[in-house]
Amino acid sequence: MALRLAAAGLAGSVLVAWLAGAGGLASLALLAAIVVCAVRLLAAVGSAVEGRSDRFLVLTAAIGLVLLVAAGAAHLPLLAVGLFACLGLELLAAPEAPGRVAAAERVDLAEAHVSRAA
């Protein structure tokens, strides 16, 4: 989860730096975002191979990396916005976190015994 947010945070800083006119800082942040996204892709592939996660995460991480590399190659940091779309798809498709009760899960409530003597 930290790698997902780190890549998205760096992509956001790329956009802010680019809009502020700091092209050099935007390029450095884009390079860092590419590295973080590549590490995230390797982690997703490792999890999929071990059977701990779905291949959908690999697909979204790969698409995010391609978009970041395209943003760097085309000198158009606006393409980094696609990483946010990939992150949103990952979060929507993610299974429920352990310990959380799903909305459709039935919950049984214990009934309190009431005395009829009163």
Protein backbone atom coordinates (compact mmCIF):
# COMPACT_ATOMS: atom_id res chain seq x y z
CA MET A 1 0.00 0.00 0.00
CA ALA A 2 2.86 2.38 0.76
CA LEU A 3 4.34 1.92 -2.70
CA ARG A 4 0.99 2.73 -4.30
CA LEU A 5 0.71 5.95 -2.36
CA ALA A 6 4.37 6.86 -2.87
CA ALA A 7 4.07 6.56 -6.64
CA ALA A 8 0.86 8.59 -6.66
CA GLY A 9 2.38 11.21 -4.35
CA LEU A 10 5.41 11.58 -6.58
CA ALA A 11 3.18 11.85 -9.65
CA GLY A 12 1.25 14.58 -7.89
CA SER A 13 4.45 16.43 -7.08
CA VAL A 14 5.46 16.11 -10.76
CA LEU A 15 2.25 17.83 -11.79
CA VAL A 16 2.59 20.57 -9.18
CA ALA A 17 6.22 21.25 -10.12
CA TRP A 18 5.38 21.26 -13.81
CA LEU A 19 2.47 23.66 -13.33
CA ALA A 20 4.69 25.91 -11.20
CA GLY A 21 7.23 26.10 -14.02
CA ALA A 22 9.99 24.11 -12.30
CA GLY A 23 10.81 21.77 -15.19
CA GLY A 24 14.01 20.41 -13.64
CA LEU A 25 12.31 19.48 -10.38
CA ALA A 26 9.43 17.93 -12.31
CA SER A 27 11.88 15.78 -14.27
CA LEU A 28 13.61 14.57 -11.11
CA ALA A 29 10.30 13.79 -9.43
CA LEU A 30 9.15 11.96 -12.56
CA LEU A 31 12.31 9.86 -12.54
CA ALA A 32 11.73 9.01 -8.87
CA ALA A 33 8.09 8.14 -9.63
CA ILE A 34 9.21 5.80 -12.43
CA VAL A 35 11.60 4.02 -10.06
CA VAL A 36 8.96 3.65 -7.33
CA CYS A 37 6.40 2.42 -9.85
CA ALA A 38 8.89 -0.14 -11.21
CA VAL A 39 9.54 -1.44 -7.69
CA ARG A 40 5.77 -1.61 -7.17
CA LEU A 41 5.39 -3.60 -10.39
CA LEU A 42 8.07 -6.07 -9.26
CA ALA A 43 6.33 -6.46 -5.90
CA ALA A 44 2.98 -7.03 -7.62
CA VAL A 45 4.49 -9.66 -9.93
CA GLY A 46 6.07 -11.40 -6.94
CA SER A 47 2.77 -11.42 -5.06
CA ALA A 48 0.93 -12.79 -8.09
CA VAL A 49 3.49 -15.55 -8.61
CA GLU A 50 3.26 -16.57 -4.97
CA GLY A 51 -0.54 -16.55 -5.15
CA ARG A 52 -1.02 -13.81 -2.57
CA SER A 53 -2.70 -11.36 -4.94
CA ASP A 54 -4.57 -11.11 -8.19
CA ARG A 55 -3.03 -10.46 -11.62
CA PHE A 56 -5.19 -7.34 -11.91
CA LEU A 57 -2.73 -5.51 -9.65
CA VAL A 58 0.08 -6.47 -12.03
CA LEU A 59 -1.88 -5.08 -14.96
CA THR A 60 -2.65 -1.75 -13.30
CA ALA A 61 0.94 -1.38 -12.05
CA ALA A 62 2.27 -2.08 -15.56
CA ILE A 63 -0.12 0.42 -17.14
CA GLY A 64 0.88 3.03 -14.56
CA LEU A 65 4.55 2.45 -15.29
CA VAL A 66 3.97 2.73 -19.04
CA LEU A 67 2.13 6.02 -18.52
CA LEU A 68 4.95 7.42 -16.41
CA VAL A 69 7.60 6.38 -18.93
CA ALA A 70 5.50 7.91 -21.72
CA ALA A 71 5.22 11.13 -19.70
CA GLY A 72 9.00 11.26 -19.39
CA ALA A 73 9.65 10.38 -23.02
CA ALA A 74 7.13 12.87 -24.42
CA HIS A 75 8.15 15.60 -21.93
CA LEU A 76 4.47 15.88 -21.05
CA PRO A 77 4.00 15.34 -17.29
CA LEU A 78 0.24 15.58 -17.71
CA LEU A 79 0.30 11.90 -18.73
CA ALA A 80 1.13 11.09 -15.09
CA VAL A 81 -2.56 11.67 -14.30
CA GLY A 82 -3.16 8.18 -15.70
CA LEU A 83 -1.40 6.78 -12.63
CA PHE A 84 -4.20 8.20 -10.49
CA ALA A 85 -6.74 6.36 -12.64
CA CYS A 86 -4.80 3.11 -12.16
CA LEU A 87 -4.64 3.69 -8.40
CA GLY A 88 -8.38 4.32 -8.30
CA LEU A 89 -9.07 1.09 -10.18
CA GLU A 90 -6.82 -0.82 -7.78
CA LEU A 91 -8.60 0.59 -4.76
CA LEU A 92 -12.03 -0.14 -6.21
CA ALA A 93 -11.10 -3.71 -7.07
CA ALA A 94 -9.22 -4.40 -3.82
CA PRO A 95 -10.81 -6.98 -1.54
CA GLU A 96 -12.01 -5.90 1.86
CA ALA A 97 -9.31 -5.38 4.46
CA PRO A 98 -9.06 -8.08 7.12
CA GLY A 99 -11.13 -7.29 10.16
CA ARG A 100 -13.63 -5.12 8.32
CA VAL A 101 -17.23 -6.21 8.03
CA ALA A 102 -18.49 -6.21 4.47
CA ALA A 103 -21.71 -4.33 3.80
CA ALA A 104 -23.53 -7.46 2.57
CA GLU A 105 -22.34 -9.71 5.39
CA ARG A 106 -25.03 -10.79 7.85
CA VAL A 107 -24.43 -9.92 11.47
CA ASP A 108 -26.30 -11.82 14.21
CA LEU A 109 -27.23 -9.83 17.27
CA ALA A 110 -27.65 -11.44 20.65
CA GLU A 111 -31.07 -10.85 22.19
CA ALA A 112 -31.29 -9.72 25.78
CA HIS A 113 -33.44 -11.83 28.08
CA VAL A 114 -36.34 -9.84 29.54
CA SER A 115 -37.96 -10.89 32.76
CA ARG A 116 -41.77 -11.14 32.62
CA ALA A 117 -42.09 -10.62 36.36
CA ALA A 118 -41.85 -6.87 36.07
